[in-house]
Amino acid sequence: MSADASRPRPVALVIDDELGICAELEAGMAHIVDTYQCEWRTTVEDPEKLRMFRPFLNSNAPDPSVAFVPERAQHRPAHFHEKASLFDTRRVRLPVMPA
């Protein structure tokens, strides 16, 4: 399997399969594509796994210090200074910030 001397080394390695590993690499990539699963989707669809994503393990109550604000037609967690205005309306309780 000698490569054409006029080709640069990377081309000889990849295109000409100078090392003879292209089939193995293609098979490995095909396996990854065939067995891919979105870990987030799998977790969201499994109630047992989803239970691990609670603010408190011993309660189903939401964390009162977590607040969301709208941004570009979506919701995102509020920054600390945004929580201050929500605190004034009693929609959220602020955590104590370390000094």
C-alpha atoms as a PDB file:
ATOM      1  CA  MET A   1       0.000   0.000   0.000  1.00  0.00           C
ATOM      2  CA  SER A   2       2.397   2.671  -1.068  1.00  0.00           C
ATOM      3  CA  ALA A   3       0.921   6.090  -1.587  1.00  0.00           C
ATOM      4  CA  ASP A   4       1.477   8.216  -4.609  1.00  0.00           C
ATOM      5  CA  ALA A   5       4.661  10.207  -3.945  1.00  0.00           C
ATOM      6  CA  SER A   6       3.042  13.356  -5.345  1.00  0.00           C
ATOM      7  CA  ARG A   7       0.340  13.418  -2.658  1.00  0.00           C
ATOM      8  CA  PRO A   8       0.923  15.110   0.694  1.00  0.00           C
ATOM      9  CA  ARG A   9       1.194  12.778   3.689  1.00  0.00           C
ATOM     10  CA  PRO A  10      -2.269  13.579   5.221  1.00  0.00           C
ATOM     11  CA  VAL A  11      -3.963  12.783   1.915  1.00  0.00           C
ATOM     12  CA  ALA A  12      -2.070   9.507   1.687  1.00  0.00           C
ATOM     13  CA  LEU A  13      -3.130   8.604   5.237  1.00  0.00           C
ATOM     14  CA  VAL A  14      -6.795   9.435   4.818  1.00  0.00           C
ATOM     15  CA  ILE A  15      -7.712   9.111   1.136  1.00  0.00           C
ATOM     16  CA  ASP A  16      -5.311   6.346   0.177  1.00  0.00           C
ATOM     17  CA  ASP A  17      -5.756   4.554   3.535  1.00  0.00           C
ATOM     18  CA  GLU A  18      -2.006   4.141   3.852  1.00  0.00           C
ATOM     19  CA  LEU A  19      -2.332   2.613   7.326  1.00  0.00           C
ATOM     20  CA  GLY A  20      -5.234   0.338   6.410  1.00  0.00           C
ATOM     21  CA  ILE A  21      -7.501   1.593   9.201  1.00  0.00           C
ATOM     22  CA  CYS A  22     -10.261   3.417   7.309  1.00  0.00           C
ATOM     23  CA  ALA A  23     -12.661   0.444   7.404  1.00  0.00           C
ATOM     24  CA  GLU A  24     -12.161   0.122  11.159  1.00  0.00           C
ATOM     25  CA  LEU A  25     -12.730   3.857  11.685  1.00  0.00           C
ATOM     26  CA  GLU A  26     -15.844   3.831   9.484  1.00  0.00           C
ATOM     27  CA  ALA A  27     -17.250   0.833  11.390  1.00  0.00           C
ATOM     28  CA  GLY A  28     -16.598   2.567  14.704  1.00  0.00           C
ATOM     29  CA  MET A  29     -18.302   5.740  13.531  1.00  0.00           C
ATOM     30  CA  ALA A  30     -21.273   3.780  12.171  1.00  0.00           C
ATOM     31  CA  HIS A  31     -21.635   2.103  15.583  1.00  0.00           C
ATOM     32  CA  ILE A  32     -21.651   5.486  17.335  1.00  0.00           C
ATOM     33  CA  VAL A  33     -24.289   6.864  14.966  1.00  0.00           C
ATOM     34  CA  ASP A  34     -26.449   3.723  15.230  1.00  0.00           C
ATOM     35  CA  THR A  35     -26.363   3.565  19.046  1.00  0.00           C
ATOM     36  CA  TYR A  36     -26.633   7.297  19.816  1.00  0.00           C
ATOM     37  CA  GLN A  37     -29.235   8.397  22.318  1.00  0.00           C
ATOM     38  CA  CYS A  38     -29.884  11.850  23.714  1.00  0.00           C
ATOM     39  CA  GLU A  39     -29.108  11.578  27.433  1.00  0.00           C
ATOM     40  CA  TRP A  40     -31.413  14.483  28.288  1.00  0.00           C
ATOM     41  CA  ARG A  41     -34.349  13.012  26.379  1.00  0.00           C
ATOM     42  CA  THR A  42     -33.783   9.599  27.949  1.00  0.00           C
ATOM     43  CA  THR A  43     -33.794  11.182  31.410  1.00  0.00           C
ATOM     44  CA  VAL A  44     -36.882  13.308  30.796  1.00  0.00           C
ATOM     45  CA  GLU A  45     -38.804  10.281  29.516  1.00  0.00           C
ATOM     46  CA  ASP A  46     -37.849   8.110  32.514  1.00  0.00           C
ATOM     47  CA  PRO A  47     -39.800   9.085  35.670  1.00  0.00           C
ATOM     48  CA  GLU A  48     -37.292   7.278  37.913  1.00  0.00           C
ATOM     49  CA  LYS A  49     -34.349   9.247  36.523  1.00  0.00           C
ATOM     50  CA  LEU A  50     -36.350  12.461  36.437  1.00  0.00           C
ATOM     51  CA  ARG A  51     -36.980  12.226  40.200  1.00  0.00           C
ATOM     52  CA  MET A  52     -33.254  12.824  40.773  1.00  0.00           C
ATOM     53  CA  PHE A  53     -33.640  16.371  39.398  1.00  0.00           C
ATOM     54  CA  ARG A  54     -35.496  17.874  42.351  1.00  0.00           C
ATOM     55  CA  PRO A  55     -34.219  20.779  44.447  1.00  0.00           C
ATOM     56  CA  PHE A  56     -34.709  18.786  47.669  1.00  0.00           C
ATOM     57  CA  LEU A  57     -34.480  15.011  47.976  1.00  0.00           C
ATOM     58  CA  ASN A  58     -36.939  14.823  50.869  1.00  0.00           C
ATOM     59  CA  SER A  59     -39.586  17.131  49.395  1.00  0.00           C
ATOM     60  CA  ASN A  60     -41.407  17.767  46.136  1.00  0.00           C
ATOM     61  CA  ALA A  61     -41.678  21.479  46.958  1.00  0.00           C
ATOM     62  CA  PRO A  62     -39.939  23.833  44.535  1.00  0.00           C
ATOM     63  CA  ASP A  63     -36.904  25.831  45.632  1.00  0.00           C
ATOM     64  CA  PRO A  64     -38.274  29.269  46.555  1.00  0.00           C
ATOM     65  CA  SER A  65     -34.984  30.970  45.649  1.00  0.00           C
ATOM     66  CA  VAL A  66     -35.166  29.854  42.004  1.00  0.00           C
ATOM     67  CA  ALA A  67     -36.963  32.278  39.716  1.00  0.00           C
ATOM     68  CA  PHE A  68     -37.284  32.509  35.955  1.00  0.00           C
ATOM     69  CA  VAL A  69     -37.582  35.577  33.751  1.00  0.00           C
ATOM     70  CA  PRO A  70     -38.667  35.789  30.108  1.00  0.00           C
ATOM     71  CA  GLU A  71     -36.030  36.372  27.454  1.00  0.00           C
ATOM     72  CA  ARG A  72     -36.518  36.084  23.682  1.00  0.00           C
ATOM     73  CA  ALA A  73     -39.824  34.214  24.100  1.00  0.00           C
ATOM     74  CA  GLN A  74     -38.187  31.703  26.470  1.00  0.00           C
ATOM     75  CA  HIS A  75     -37.616  31.409  30.193  1.00  0.00           C
ATOM     76  CA  ARG A  76     -34.202  31.490  31.833  1.00  0.00           C
ATOM     77  CA  PRO A  77     -33.039  31.523  35.458  1.00  0.00           C
ATOM     78  CA  ALA A  78     -33.033  35.039  36.871  1.00  0.00           C
ATOM     79  CA  HIS A  79     -29.755  36.716  37.745  1.00  0.00           C
ATOM     80  CA  PHE A  80     -29.304  37.819  41.334  1.00  0.00           C
ATOM     81  CA  HIS A  81     -30.085  41.490  40.562  1.00  0.00           C
ATOM     82  CA  GLU A  82     -33.267  40.410  38.746  1.00  0.00           C
ATOM     83  CA  LYS A  83     -34.334  38.370  41.748  1.00  0.00           C
ATOM     84  CA  ALA A  84     -34.156  41.526  43.860  1.00  0.00           C
ATOM     85  CA  SER A  85     -37.054  43.070  41.919  1.00  0.00           C
ATOM     86  CA  LEU A  86     -38.979  39.800  42.148  1.00  0.00           C
ATOM     87  CA  PHE A  87     -38.301  39.785  45.886  1.00  0.00           C
ATOM     88  CA  ASP A  88     -39.971  43.188  46.162  1.00  0.00           C
ATOM     89  CA  THR A  89     -43.136  41.652  44.724  1.00  0.00           C
ATOM     90  CA  ARG A  90     -42.756  38.631  47.069  1.00  0.00           C
ATOM     91  CA  ARG A  91     -42.526  36.210  44.139  1.00  0.00           C
ATOM     92  CA  VAL A  92     -39.174  34.803  45.281  1.00  0.00           C
ATOM     93  CA  ARG A  93     -37.079  34.526  48.424  1.00  0.00           C
ATOM     94  CA  LEU A  94     -33.450  35.582  48.009  1.00  0.00           C
ATOM     95  CA  PRO A  95     -30.647  33.358  49.295  1.00  0.00           C
ATOM     96  CA  VAL A  96     -27.985  34.836  51.519  1.00  0.00           C
ATOM     97  CA  MET A  97     -24.961  35.790  49.441  1.00  0.00           C
ATOM     98  CA  PRO A  98     -21.571  34.885  50.970  1.00  0.00           C
ATOM     99  CA  ALA A  99     -19.388  37.840  51.916  1.00  0.00           C
END
